[in-house]
Full PDB file with SEQRES, HELIX, SHEET, SSBOND, CRYST1, ORIGX, SCALE, CONECT and MASTER records, all heavy atoms in Angstrom:
SEQRES   1 A   36  PHE TYR LEU ARG LYS ARG PRO ASP CYS GLY ASN SER LYS          
SEQRES   2 A   36  PHE ILE LEU LEU VAL SER ILE TYR ARG ASP TYR ASP LYS          
SEQRES   3 A   36  ASP ASP HIS ASP LYS PHE LYS GLU PHE GLU                      
HELIX    1 AA1 PRO A    7  CYS A    9  5                                   3    
HELIX    2 AA2 LYS A   26  PHE A   35  1                                  10    
SHEET    1 AA1 2 TYR A   2  LYS A   5  0                                        
SHEET    2 AA1 2 LYS A  13  LEU A  16 -1                                        
CRYST1    1.000    1.000    1.000  90.00  90.00  90.00 P 1           1          
ORIGX1      1.000000  0.000000  0.000000        0.00000                         
ORIGX2      0.000000  1.000000  0.000000        0.00000                         
ORIGX3      0.000000  0.000000  1.000000        0.00000                         
SCALE1      1.000000  0.000000  0.000000        0.00000                         
SCALE2      0.000000  1.000000  0.000000        0.00000                         
SCALE3      0.000000  0.000000  1.000000        0.00000                         
ATOM      1  N   PHE A   1       1.493  -3.795   0.636  1.00  0.00           N  
ATOM      2  CA  PHE A   1       1.801  -3.792   2.096  1.00  0.00           C  
ATOM      3  C   PHE A   1       0.700  -4.119   2.838  1.00  0.00           C  
ATOM      4  O   PHE A   1      -0.461  -4.288   2.325  1.00  0.00           O  
ATOM      5  CB  PHE A   1       2.209  -2.270   2.453  1.00  0.00           C  
ATOM      6  CG  PHE A   1       1.075  -1.237   2.148  1.00  0.00           C  
ATOM      7  CD1 PHE A   1       0.096  -0.951   3.129  1.00  0.00           C  
ATOM      8  CD2 PHE A   1       0.899  -0.704   0.920  1.00  0.00           C  
ATOM      9  CE1 PHE A   1      -0.818  -0.011   3.004  1.00  0.00           C  
ATOM     10  CE2 PHE A   1      -0.143   0.299   0.681  1.00  0.00           C  
ATOM     11  CZ  PHE A   1      -0.937   0.535   1.710  1.00  0.00           C  
ATOM     12  N   TYR A   2       0.880  -4.475   4.068  1.00  0.00           N  
ATOM     13  CA  TYR A   2      -0.127  -4.762   5.154  1.00  0.00           C  
ATOM     14  C   TYR A   2      -0.207  -3.685   6.252  1.00  0.00           C  
ATOM     15  O   TYR A   2       0.781  -3.002   6.465  1.00  0.00           O  
ATOM     16  CB  TYR A   2       0.278  -6.083   5.837  1.00  0.00           C  
ATOM     17  CG  TYR A   2       0.206  -7.301   4.928  1.00  0.00           C  
ATOM     18  CD1 TYR A   2       1.381  -7.666   4.254  1.00  0.00           C  
ATOM     19  CD2 TYR A   2      -0.915  -8.016   4.729  1.00  0.00           C  
ATOM     20  CE1 TYR A   2       1.482  -8.782   3.407  1.00  0.00           C  
ATOM     21  CE2 TYR A   2      -0.939  -9.209   3.844  1.00  0.00           C  
ATOM     22  CZ  TYR A   2       0.315  -9.456   3.230  1.00  0.00           C  
ATOM     23  OH  TYR A   2       0.311 -10.601   2.415  1.00  0.00           O  
ATOM     24  N   LEU A   3      -1.365  -3.501   6.756  1.00  0.00           N  
ATOM     25  CA  LEU A   3      -1.577  -2.655   7.921  1.00  0.00           C  
ATOM     26  C   LEU A   3      -1.642  -3.499   9.096  1.00  0.00           C  
ATOM     27  O   LEU A   3      -2.399  -4.422   9.233  1.00  0.00           O  
ATOM     28  CB  LEU A   3      -2.783  -1.829   7.781  1.00  0.00           C  
ATOM     29  CG  LEU A   3      -2.788  -0.692   6.825  1.00  0.00           C  
ATOM     30  CD1 LEU A   3      -4.111  -0.001   6.760  1.00  0.00           C  
ATOM     31  CD2 LEU A   3      -1.703   0.364   7.084  1.00  0.00           C  
ATOM     32  N   ARG A   4      -0.811  -3.276  10.140  1.00  0.00           N  
ATOM     33  CA  ARG A   4      -0.789  -4.155  11.347  1.00  0.00           C  
ATOM     34  C   ARG A   4      -0.799  -3.200  12.633  1.00  0.00           C  
ATOM     35  O   ARG A   4      -0.161  -2.013  12.531  1.00  0.00           O  
ATOM     36  CB  ARG A   4       0.437  -5.010  11.395  1.00  0.00           C  
ATOM     37  CG  ARG A   4       0.450  -6.083  10.245  1.00  0.00           C  
ATOM     38  CD  ARG A   4      -0.566  -7.037  10.644  1.00  0.00           C  
ATOM     39  NE  ARG A   4      -0.474  -8.271   9.682  1.00  0.00           N  
ATOM     40  CZ  ARG A   4      -1.283  -8.450   8.683  1.00  0.00           C  
ATOM     41  NH1 ARG A   4      -2.162  -7.637   8.446  1.00  0.00           N  
ATOM     42  NH2 ARG A   4      -1.090  -9.412   7.929  1.00  0.00           N  
ATOM     43  N   LYS A   5      -1.345  -3.653  13.629  1.00  0.00           N  
ATOM     44  CA  LYS A   5      -1.068  -3.018  14.981  1.00  0.00           C  
ATOM     45  C   LYS A   5       0.033  -3.625  15.777  1.00  0.00           C  
ATOM     46  O   LYS A   5       0.280  -4.813  15.548  1.00  0.00           O  
ATOM     47  CB  LYS A   5      -2.531  -3.123  15.755  1.00  0.00           C  
ATOM     48  CG  LYS A   5      -3.577  -2.350  15.148  1.00  0.00           C  
ATOM     49  CD  LYS A   5      -4.857  -2.566  16.058  1.00  0.00           C  
ATOM     50  CE  LYS A   5      -5.961  -1.871  15.425  1.00  0.00           C  
ATOM     51  NZ  LYS A   5      -7.297  -2.001  16.251  1.00  0.00           N  
ATOM     52  N   ARG A   6       0.534  -2.859  16.570  1.00  0.00           N  
ATOM     53  CA  ARG A   6       1.645  -3.250  17.415  1.00  0.00           C  
ATOM     54  C   ARG A   6       1.143  -3.168  18.799  1.00  0.00           C  
ATOM     55  O   ARG A   6       0.512  -2.163  19.261  1.00  0.00           O  
ATOM     56  CB  ARG A   6       2.936  -2.429  17.330  1.00  0.00           C  
ATOM     57  CG  ARG A   6       3.688  -2.617  16.085  1.00  0.00           C  
ATOM     58  CD  ARG A   6       4.918  -1.915  16.038  1.00  0.00           C  
ATOM     59  NE  ARG A   6       5.526  -1.383  17.288  1.00  0.00           N  
ATOM     60  CZ  ARG A   6       6.501  -0.553  17.404  1.00  0.00           C  
ATOM     61  NH1 ARG A   6       7.035   0.010  16.272  1.00  0.00           N  
ATOM     62  NH2 ARG A   6       6.842  -0.057  18.554  1.00  0.00           N  
ATOM     63  N   PRO A   7       1.224  -4.336  19.626  1.00  0.00           N  
ATOM     64  CA  PRO A   7       0.647  -4.378  20.942  1.00  0.00           C  
ATOM     65  C   PRO A   7       1.251  -3.254  21.860  1.00  0.00           C  
ATOM     66  O   PRO A   7       0.508  -2.866  22.743  1.00  0.00           O  
ATOM     67  CB  PRO A   7       1.048  -5.663  21.397  1.00  0.00           C  
ATOM     68  CG  PRO A   7       1.986  -6.281  20.550  1.00  0.00           C  
ATOM     69  CD  PRO A   7       1.981  -5.493  19.110  1.00  0.00           C  
ATOM     70  N   ASP A   8       2.438  -2.732  21.659  1.00  0.00           N  
ATOM     71  CA  ASP A   8       2.919  -1.737  22.509  1.00  0.00           C  
ATOM     72  C   ASP A   8       2.496  -0.310  22.020  1.00  0.00           C  
ATOM     73  O   ASP A   8       3.056   0.618  22.651  1.00  0.00           O  
ATOM     74  CB  ASP A   8       4.430  -1.853  22.514  1.00  0.00           C  
ATOM     75  CG  ASP A   8       5.115  -1.643  21.088  1.00  0.00           C  
ATOM     76  OD1 ASP A   8       4.482  -2.026  20.134  1.00  0.00           O  
ATOM     77  OD2 ASP A   8       6.234  -1.185  21.114  1.00  0.00           O  
ATOM     78  N   CYS A   9       1.678  -0.109  21.038  1.00  0.00           N  
ATOM     79  CA  CYS A   9       1.368   1.170  20.579  1.00  0.00           C  
ATOM     80  C   CYS A   9      -0.016   1.530  20.477  1.00  0.00           C  
ATOM     81  O   CYS A   9      -0.593   2.204  19.634  1.00  0.00           O  
ATOM     82  CB  CYS A   9       1.985   1.455  19.229  1.00  0.00           C  
ATOM     83  SG  CYS A   9       3.743   1.475  19.109  1.00  0.00           S  
ATOM     84  N   GLY A  10      -0.761   0.906  21.283  1.00  0.00           N  
ATOM     85  CA  GLY A  10      -2.314   1.106  21.454  1.00  0.00           C  
ATOM     86  C   GLY A  10      -2.939   0.828  20.140  1.00  0.00           C  
ATOM     87  O   GLY A  10      -2.855  -0.200  19.483  1.00  0.00           O  
ATOM     88  N   ASN A  11      -3.739   1.720  19.572  1.00  0.00           N  
ATOM     89  CA  ASN A  11      -4.503   1.513  18.511  1.00  0.00           C  
ATOM     90  C   ASN A  11      -3.825   1.910  17.083  1.00  0.00           C  
ATOM     91  O   ASN A  11      -4.430   2.021  16.085  1.00  0.00           O  
ATOM     92  CB  ASN A  11      -5.901   2.197  18.437  1.00  0.00           C  
ATOM     93  CG  ASN A  11      -6.882   1.375  19.391  1.00  0.00           C  
ATOM     94  OD1 ASN A  11      -6.715   0.220  19.439  1.00  0.00           O  
ATOM     95  ND2 ASN A  11      -7.765   2.183  20.039  1.00  0.00           N  
ATOM     96  N   SER A  12      -2.613   2.480  17.164  1.00  0.00           N  
ATOM     97  CA  SER A  12      -1.823   2.949  15.995  1.00  0.00           C  
ATOM     98  C   SER A  12      -1.639   1.746  15.109  1.00  0.00           C  
ATOM     99  O   SER A  12      -1.365   0.714  15.601  1.00  0.00           O  
ATOM    100  CB  SER A  12      -0.550   3.512  16.524  1.00  0.00           C  
ATOM    101  OG  SER A  12      -0.798   4.674  17.169  1.00  0.00           O  
ATOM    102  N   LYS A  13      -1.798   2.069  13.794  1.00  0.00           N  
ATOM    103  CA  LYS A  13      -1.504   1.171  12.762  1.00  0.00           C  
ATOM    104  C   LYS A  13      -0.185   1.460  12.105  1.00  0.00           C  
ATOM    105  O   LYS A  13       0.109   2.512  11.987  1.00  0.00           O  
ATOM    106  CB  LYS A  13      -2.641   1.019  11.807  1.00  0.00           C  
ATOM    107  CG  LYS A  13      -3.972   0.463  12.345  1.00  0.00           C  
ATOM    108  CD  LYS A  13      -4.937   0.275  11.261  1.00  0.00           C  
ATOM    109  CE  LYS A  13      -6.112  -0.453  11.944  1.00  0.00           C  
ATOM    110  NZ  LYS A  13      -7.204  -0.593  10.872  1.00  0.00           N  
ATOM    111  N   PHE A  14       0.501   0.334  11.739  1.00  0.00           N  
ATOM    112  CA  PHE A  14       1.912   0.484  11.034  1.00  0.00           C  
ATOM    113  C   PHE A  14       1.889  -0.211   9.697  1.00  0.00           C  
ATOM    114  O   PHE A  14       1.136  -1.271   9.620  1.00  0.00           O  
ATOM    115  CB  PHE A  14       2.972  -0.020  11.978  1.00  0.00           C  
ATOM    116  CG  PHE A  14       3.131   0.725  13.244  1.00  0.00           C  
ATOM    117  CD1 PHE A  14       2.319   0.458  14.369  1.00  0.00           C  
ATOM    118  CD2 PHE A  14       4.054   1.815  13.301  1.00  0.00           C  
ATOM    119  CE1 PHE A  14       2.548   1.251  15.476  1.00  0.00           C  
ATOM    120  CE2 PHE A  14       4.248   2.538  14.454  1.00  0.00           C  
ATOM    121  CZ  PHE A  14       3.485   2.167  15.495  1.00  0.00           C  
ATOM    122  N   ILE A  15       2.505   0.321   8.753  1.00  0.00           N  
ATOM    123  CA  ILE A  15       2.595  -0.415   7.604  1.00  0.00           C  
ATOM    124  C   ILE A  15       3.736  -1.228   7.443  1.00  0.00           C  
ATOM    125  O   ILE A  15       4.896  -0.981   7.847  1.00  0.00           O  
ATOM    126  CB  ILE A  15       2.766   0.689   6.324  1.00  0.00           C  
ATOM    127  CG1 ILE A  15       1.480   1.564   6.175  1.00  0.00           C  
ATOM    128  CG2 ILE A  15       3.232   0.091   5.080  1.00  0.00           C  
ATOM    129  CD1 ILE A  15       1.701   2.506   5.174  1.00  0.00           C  
ATOM    130  N   LEU A  16       3.486  -2.506   7.012  1.00  0.00           N  
ATOM    131  CA  LEU A  16       4.542  -3.483   6.824  1.00  0.00           C  
ATOM    132  C   LEU A  16       4.768  -3.728   5.341  1.00  0.00           C  
ATOM    133  O   LEU A  16       3.911  -4.163   4.653  1.00  0.00           O  
ATOM    134  CB  LEU A  16       4.069  -4.839   7.372  1.00  0.00           C  
ATOM    135  CG  LEU A  16       5.065  -6.053   7.204  1.00  0.00           C  
ATOM    136  CD1 LEU A  16       6.414  -5.790   7.834  1.00  0.00           C  
ATOM    137  CD2 LEU A  16       4.391  -7.299   7.773  1.00  0.00           C  
ATOM    138  N   LEU A  17       5.724  -3.066   4.807  1.00  0.00           N  
ATOM    139  CA  LEU A  17       6.104  -2.977   3.359  1.00  0.00           C  
ATOM    140  C   LEU A  17       6.470  -4.353   2.888  1.00  0.00           C  
ATOM    141  O   LEU A  17       7.485  -4.842   3.502  1.00  0.00           O  
ATOM    142  CB  LEU A  17       7.170  -1.919   3.133  1.00  0.00           C  
ATOM    143  CG  LEU A  17       7.465  -1.708   1.690  1.00  0.00           C  
ATOM    144  CD1 LEU A  17       6.309  -1.088   0.903  1.00  0.00           C  
ATOM    145  CD2 LEU A  17       8.521  -0.764   1.509  1.00  0.00           C  
ATOM    146  N   VAL A  18       5.860  -4.932   1.939  1.00  0.00           N  
ATOM    147  CA  VAL A  18       6.099  -6.295   1.500  1.00  0.00           C  
ATOM    148  C   VAL A  18       7.045  -6.176   0.268  1.00  0.00           C  
ATOM    149  O   VAL A  18       8.028  -6.921   0.213  1.00  0.00           O  
ATOM    150  CB  VAL A  18       4.929  -7.049   1.358  1.00  0.00           C  
ATOM    151  CG1 VAL A  18       5.184  -8.441   0.749  1.00  0.00           C  
ATOM    152  CG2 VAL A  18       4.088  -7.050   2.520  1.00  0.00           C  
ATOM    153  N   SER A  19       6.709  -5.454  -0.758  1.00  0.00           N  
ATOM    154  CA  SER A  19       7.378  -5.470  -1.966  1.00  0.00           C  
ATOM    155  C   SER A  19       7.084  -4.136  -2.757  1.00  0.00           C  
ATOM    156  O   SER A  19       5.883  -3.668  -2.704  1.00  0.00           O  
ATOM    157  CB  SER A  19       7.068  -6.672  -2.747  1.00  0.00           C  
ATOM    158  OG  SER A  19       5.756  -6.911  -2.928  1.00  0.00           O  
ATOM    159  N   ILE A  20       7.889  -3.705  -3.600  1.00  0.00           N  
ATOM    160  CA  ILE A  20       7.772  -2.728  -4.514  1.00  0.00           C  
ATOM    161  C   ILE A  20       8.290  -3.132  -5.836  1.00  0.00           C  
ATOM    162  O   ILE A  20       9.403  -3.645  -5.890  1.00  0.00           O  
ATOM    163  CB  ILE A  20       8.284  -1.370  -3.990  1.00  0.00           C  
ATOM    164  CG1 ILE A  20       7.964  -0.144  -5.050  1.00  0.00           C  
ATOM    165  CG2 ILE A  20       9.812  -1.438  -3.837  1.00  0.00           C  
ATOM    166  CD1 ILE A  20       8.294   1.199  -4.492  1.00  0.00           C  
ATOM    167  N   TYR A  21       7.440  -2.886  -6.934  1.00  0.00           N  
ATOM    168  CA  TYR A  21       7.874  -3.327  -8.363  1.00  0.00           C  
ATOM    169  C   TYR A  21       7.504  -2.242  -9.297  1.00  0.00           C  
ATOM    170  O   TYR A  21       6.672  -1.323  -9.043  1.00  0.00           O  
ATOM    171  CB  TYR A  21       7.047  -4.469  -8.734  1.00  0.00           C  
ATOM    172  CG  TYR A  21       7.096  -5.744  -7.769  1.00  0.00           C  
ATOM    173  CD1 TYR A  21       6.050  -6.004  -7.030  1.00  0.00           C  
ATOM    174  CD2 TYR A  21       8.213  -6.558  -7.842  1.00  0.00           C  
ATOM    175  CE1 TYR A  21       6.042  -7.198  -6.201  1.00  0.00           C  
ATOM    176  CE2 TYR A  21       8.316  -7.608  -6.959  1.00  0.00           C  
ATOM    177  CZ  TYR A  21       7.290  -7.955  -6.137  1.00  0.00           C  
ATOM    178  OH  TYR A  21       7.235  -9.024  -5.371  1.00  0.00           O  
ATOM    179  N   ARG A  22       8.216  -2.160 -10.411  1.00  0.00           N  
ATOM    180  CA  ARG A  22       7.830  -1.406 -11.512  1.00  0.00           C  
ATOM    181  C   ARG A  22       6.453  -1.915 -11.978  1.00  0.00           C  
ATOM    182  O   ARG A  22       6.210  -3.171 -12.012  1.00  0.00           O  
ATOM    183  CB  ARG A  22       8.776  -1.434 -12.727  1.00  0.00           C  
ATOM    184  CG  ARG A  22      10.004  -0.661 -12.602  1.00  0.00           C  
ATOM    185  CD  ARG A  22       9.860   0.894 -12.928  1.00  0.00           C  
ATOM    186  NE  ARG A  22       9.145   1.097 -14.193  1.00  0.00           N  
ATOM    187  CZ  ARG A  22       9.570   1.138 -15.367  1.00  0.00           C  
ATOM    188  NH1 ARG A  22      10.899   0.948 -15.523  1.00  0.00           N  
ATOM    189  NH2 ARG A  22       8.937   1.317 -16.490  1.00  0.00           N  
ATOM    190  N   ASP A  23       5.609  -1.150 -12.304  1.00  0.00           N  
ATOM    191  CA  ASP A  23       4.111  -1.514 -12.751  1.00  0.00           C  
ATOM    192  C   ASP A  23       4.064  -1.316 -14.141  1.00  0.00           C  
ATOM    193  O   ASP A  23       3.929  -0.274 -14.723  1.00  0.00           O  
ATOM    194  CB  ASP A  23       3.227  -0.726 -11.818  1.00  0.00           C  
ATOM    195  CG  ASP A  23       1.811  -1.158 -12.007  1.00  0.00           C  
ATOM    196  OD1 ASP A  23       1.484  -2.108 -12.821  1.00  0.00           O  
ATOM    197  OD2 ASP A  23       1.029  -0.689 -11.190  1.00  0.00           O  
ATOM    198  N   TYR A  24       3.768  -2.390 -14.868  1.00  0.00           N  
ATOM    199  CA  TYR A  24       3.626  -2.469 -16.311  1.00  0.00           C  
ATOM    200  C   TYR A  24       2.078  -2.770 -16.696  1.00  0.00           C  
ATOM    201  O   TYR A  24       1.833  -2.874 -17.846  1.00  0.00           O  
ATOM    202  CB  TYR A  24       4.480  -3.581 -16.948  1.00  0.00           C  
ATOM    203  CG  TYR A  24       5.967  -3.279 -16.804  1.00  0.00           C  
ATOM    204  CD1 TYR A  24       6.708  -3.942 -15.828  1.00  0.00           C  
ATOM    205  CD2 TYR A  24       6.614  -2.312 -17.578  1.00  0.00           C  
ATOM    206  CE1 TYR A  24       8.029  -3.615 -15.628  1.00  0.00           C  
ATOM    207  CE2 TYR A  24       7.959  -2.098 -17.439  1.00  0.00           C  
ATOM    208  CZ  TYR A  24       8.696  -2.749 -16.483  1.00  0.00           C  
ATOM    209  OH  TYR A  24      10.042  -2.443 -16.229  1.00  0.00           O  
ATOM    210  N   ASP A  25       1.306  -2.827 -15.698  1.00  0.00           N  
ATOM    211  CA  ASP A  25      -0.129  -3.225 -15.874  1.00  0.00           C  
ATOM    212  C   ASP A  25      -0.930  -1.906 -16.322  1.00  0.00           C  
ATOM    213  O   ASP A  25      -1.090  -1.045 -15.526  1.00  0.00           O  
ATOM    214  CB  ASP A  25      -0.697  -3.614 -14.538  1.00  0.00           C  
ATOM    215  CG  ASP A  25      -2.117  -4.100 -14.692  1.00  0.00           C  
ATOM    216  OD1 ASP A  25      -2.897  -3.848 -15.636  1.00  0.00           O  
ATOM    217  OD2 ASP A  25      -2.511  -4.940 -13.766  1.00  0.00           O  
ATOM    218  N   LYS A  26      -1.400  -2.082 -17.582  1.00  0.00           N  
ATOM    219  CA  LYS A  26      -2.141  -0.884 -18.218  1.00  0.00           C  
ATOM    220  C   LYS A  26      -3.365  -0.540 -17.308  1.00  0.00           C  
ATOM    221  O   LYS A  26      -3.614   0.640 -17.241  1.00  0.00           O  
ATOM    222  CB  LYS A  26      -2.510  -1.232 -19.697  1.00  0.00           C  
ATOM    223  CG  LYS A  26      -3.244   0.000 -20.268  1.00  0.00           C  
ATOM    224  CD  LYS A  26      -3.364  -0.326 -21.769  1.00  0.00           C  
ATOM    225  CE  LYS A  26      -4.161   0.831 -22.405  1.00  0.00           C  
ATOM    226  NZ  LYS A  26      -4.809   1.990 -21.694  1.00  0.00           N  
ATOM    227  N   ASP A  27      -4.162  -1.547 -16.749  1.00  0.00           N  
ATOM    228  CA  ASP A  27      -5.293  -1.224 -15.897  1.00  0.00           C  
ATOM    229  C   ASP A  27      -4.780  -0.422 -14.758  1.00  0.00           C  
ATOM    230  O   ASP A  27      -5.478   0.543 -14.451  1.00  0.00           O  
ATOM    231  CB  ASP A  27      -5.970  -2.455 -15.450  1.00  0.00           C  
ATOM    232  CG  ASP A  27      -6.612  -3.289 -16.685  1.00  0.00           C  
ATOM    233  OD1 ASP A  27      -6.955  -2.592 -17.603  1.00  0.00           O  
ATOM    234  OD2 ASP A  27      -6.803  -4.326 -16.416  1.00  0.00           O  
ATOM    235  N   ASP A  28      -3.676  -0.559 -14.177  1.00  0.00           N  
ATOM    236  CA  ASP A  28      -3.206   0.189 -13.038  1.00  0.00           C  
ATOM    237  C   ASP A  28      -2.848   1.585 -13.511  1.00  0.00           C  
ATOM    238  O   ASP A  28      -3.223   2.542 -12.720  1.00  0.00           O  
ATOM    239  CB  ASP A  28      -1.953  -0.421 -12.417  1.00  0.00           C  
ATOM    240  CG  ASP A  28      -2.244  -1.525 -11.476  1.00  0.00           C  
ATOM    241  OD1 ASP A  28      -3.437  -1.937 -11.251  1.00  0.00           O  
ATOM    242  OD2 ASP A  28      -1.358  -2.318 -10.954  1.00  0.00           O  
ATOM    243  N   HIS A  29      -2.203   1.751 -14.698  1.00  0.00           N  
ATOM    244  CA  HIS A  29      -1.945   3.005 -15.241  1.00  0.00           C  
ATOM    245  C   HIS A  29      -3.257   3.758 -15.459  1.00  0.00           C  
ATOM    246  O   HIS A  29      -3.263   4.957 -15.104  1.00  0.00           O  
ATOM    247  CB  HIS A  29      -1.089   2.915 -16.649  1.00  0.00           C  
ATOM    248  CG  HIS A  29       0.167   2.210 -16.319  1.00  0.00           C  
ATOM    249  ND1 HIS A  29       1.043   2.210 -17.350  1.00  0.00           N  
ATOM    250  CD2 HIS A  29       0.731   1.499 -15.332  1.00  0.00           C  
ATOM    251  CE1 HIS A  29       2.166   1.489 -16.977  1.00  0.00           C  
ATOM    252  NE2 HIS A  29       1.933   1.152 -15.785  1.00  0.00           N  
ATOM    253  N   ASP A  30      -4.203   3.224 -15.982  1.00  0.00           N  
ATOM    254  CA  ASP A  30      -5.538   3.854 -16.194  1.00  0.00           C  
ATOM    255  C   ASP A  30      -6.158   4.179 -14.903  1.00  0.00           C  
ATOM    256  O   ASP A  30      -6.653   5.352 -14.779  1.00  0.00           O  
ATOM    257  CB  ASP A  30      -6.408   2.938 -17.025  1.00  0.00           C  
ATOM    258  CG  ASP A  30      -5.905   2.791 -18.417  1.00  0.00           C  
ATOM    259  OD1 ASP A  30      -5.030   3.525 -18.995  1.00  0.00           O  
ATOM    260  OD2 ASP A  30      -6.396   1.737 -19.081  1.00  0.00           O  
ATOM    261  N   LYS A  31      -6.180   3.441 -13.857  1.00  0.00           N  
ATOM    262  CA  LYS A  31      -6.691   3.711 -12.636  1.00  0.00           C  
ATOM    263  C   LYS A  31      -6.070   4.882 -11.916  1.00  0.00           C  
ATOM    264  O   LYS A  31      -6.661   5.750 -11.467  1.00  0.00           O  
ATOM    265  CB  LYS A  31      -6.604   2.593 -11.708  1.00  0.00           C  
ATOM    266  CG  LYS A  31      -7.664   1.420 -12.038  1.00  0.00           C  
ATOM    267  CD  LYS A  31      -7.414   0.278 -11.056  1.00  0.00           C  
ATOM    268  CE  LYS A  31      -8.228  -0.971 -11.436  1.00  0.00           C  
ATOM    269  NZ  LYS A  31      -7.836  -2.185 -10.698  1.00  0.00           N  
ATOM    270  N   PHE A  32      -4.732   4.895 -12.117  1.00  0.00           N  
ATOM    271  CA  PHE A  32      -3.932   5.975 -11.468  1.00  0.00           C  
ATOM    272  C   PHE A  32      -4.255   7.317 -12.346  1.00  0.00           C  
ATOM    273  O   PHE A  32      -4.365   8.366 -11.606  1.00  0.00           O  
ATOM    274  CB  PHE A  32      -2.461   5.777 -11.667  1.00  0.00           C  
ATOM    275  CG  PHE A  32      -1.710   6.708 -10.766  1.00  0.00           C  
ATOM    276  CD1 PHE A  32      -1.411   6.606  -9.528  1.00  0.00           C  
ATOM    277  CD2 PHE A  32      -0.991   7.724 -11.485  1.00  0.00           C  
ATOM    278  CE1 PHE A  32      -0.811   7.637  -8.632  1.00  0.00           C  
ATOM    279  CE2 PHE A  32      -0.246   8.760 -10.838  1.00  0.00           C  
ATOM    280  CZ  PHE A  32      -0.168   8.722  -9.424  1.00  0.00           C  
ATOM    281  N   LYS A  33      -4.401   7.245 -13.605  1.00  0.00           N  
ATOM    282  CA  LYS A  33      -4.706   8.400 -14.337  1.00  0.00           C  
ATOM    283  C   LYS A  33      -6.108   8.979 -13.917  1.00  0.00           C  
ATOM    284  O   LYS A  33      -6.178  10.160 -13.753  1.00  0.00           O  
ATOM    285  CB  LYS A  33      -4.620   8.162 -15.753  1.00  0.00           C  
ATOM    286  CG  LYS A  33      -4.805   9.334 -16.722  1.00  0.00           C  
ATOM    287  CD  LYS A  33      -4.650   9.098 -18.194  1.00  0.00           C  
ATOM    288  CE  LYS A  33      -4.743  10.370 -18.908  1.00  0.00           C  
ATOM    289  NZ  LYS A  33      -4.066  10.267 -20.214  1.00  0.00           N  
ATOM    290  N   GLU A  34      -7.037   8.098 -13.758  1.00  0.00           N  
ATOM    291  CA  GLU A  34      -8.381   8.548 -13.307  1.00  0.00           C  
ATOM    292  C   GLU A  34      -8.260   9.221 -11.941  1.00  0.00           C  
ATOM    293  O   GLU A  34      -8.917  10.214 -11.680  1.00  0.00           O  
ATOM    294  CB  GLU A  34      -9.323   7.368 -13.274  1.00  0.00           C  
ATOM    295  CG  GLU A  34      -9.730   6.821 -14.591  1.00  0.00           C  
ATOM    296  CD  GLU A  34     -10.516   5.502 -14.540  1.00  0.00           C  
ATOM    297  OE1 GLU A  34     -11.121   5.198 -13.453  1.00  0.00           O  
ATOM    298  OE2 GLU A  34     -10.559   4.793 -15.567  1.00  0.00           O  
ATOM    299  N   PHE A  35      -7.519   8.568 -11.156  1.00  0.00           N  
ATOM    300  CA  PHE A  35      -7.380   9.119  -9.717  1.00  0.00           C  
ATOM    301  C   PHE A  35      -6.715  10.463  -9.647  1.00  0.00           C  
ATOM    302  O   PHE A  35      -7.203  11.388  -9.030  1.00  0.00           O  
ATOM    303  CB  PHE A  35      -6.337   8.122  -9.043  1.00  0.00           C  
ATOM    304  CG  PHE A  35      -5.855   8.551  -7.602  1.00  0.00           C  
ATOM    305  CD1 PHE A  35      -6.759   8.700  -6.570  1.00  0.00           C  
ATOM    306  CD2 PHE A  35      -4.572   8.856  -7.457  1.00  0.00           C  
ATOM    307  CE1 PHE A  35      -6.242   9.102  -5.321  1.00  0.00           C  
ATOM    308  CE2 PHE A  35      -4.012   9.318  -6.263  1.00  0.00           C  
ATOM    309  CZ  PHE A  35      -4.827   9.440  -5.163  1.00  0.00           C  
ATOM    310  N   GLU A  36      -5.715  10.707 -10.615  1.00  0.00           N  
ATOM    311  CA  GLU A  36      -5.173  11.971 -10.642  1.00  0.00           C  
ATOM    312  C   GLU A  36      -6.117  12.964 -11.203  1.00  0.00           C  
ATOM    313  O   GLU A  36      -6.074  14.182 -10.754  1.00  0.00           O  
ATOM    314  CB  GLU A  36      -3.931  11.947 -11.660  1.00  0.00           C  
ATOM    315  CG  GLU A  36      -2.621  11.560 -10.946  1.00  0.00           C  
ATOM    316  CD  GLU A  36      -1.422  11.614 -11.791  1.00  0.00           C  
ATOM    317  OE1 GLU A  36      -1.572  11.415 -12.949  1.00  0.00           O  
ATOM    318  OE2 GLU A  36      -0.333  12.096 -11.225  1.00  0.00           O  
TER     319      GLU A  36                                                      
MASTER        0    0    0    2    2    0    0    6  318    1    0    3          
END                                                                             
């Protein structure tokens, strides 16, 4: 996703969701486990 500002909403940032996928990357799984 991207964080973007909208001109009509001051300094508020909005998320622009680009894509969501199943994650098969072992490095990502390990990072998430460390995070938890």
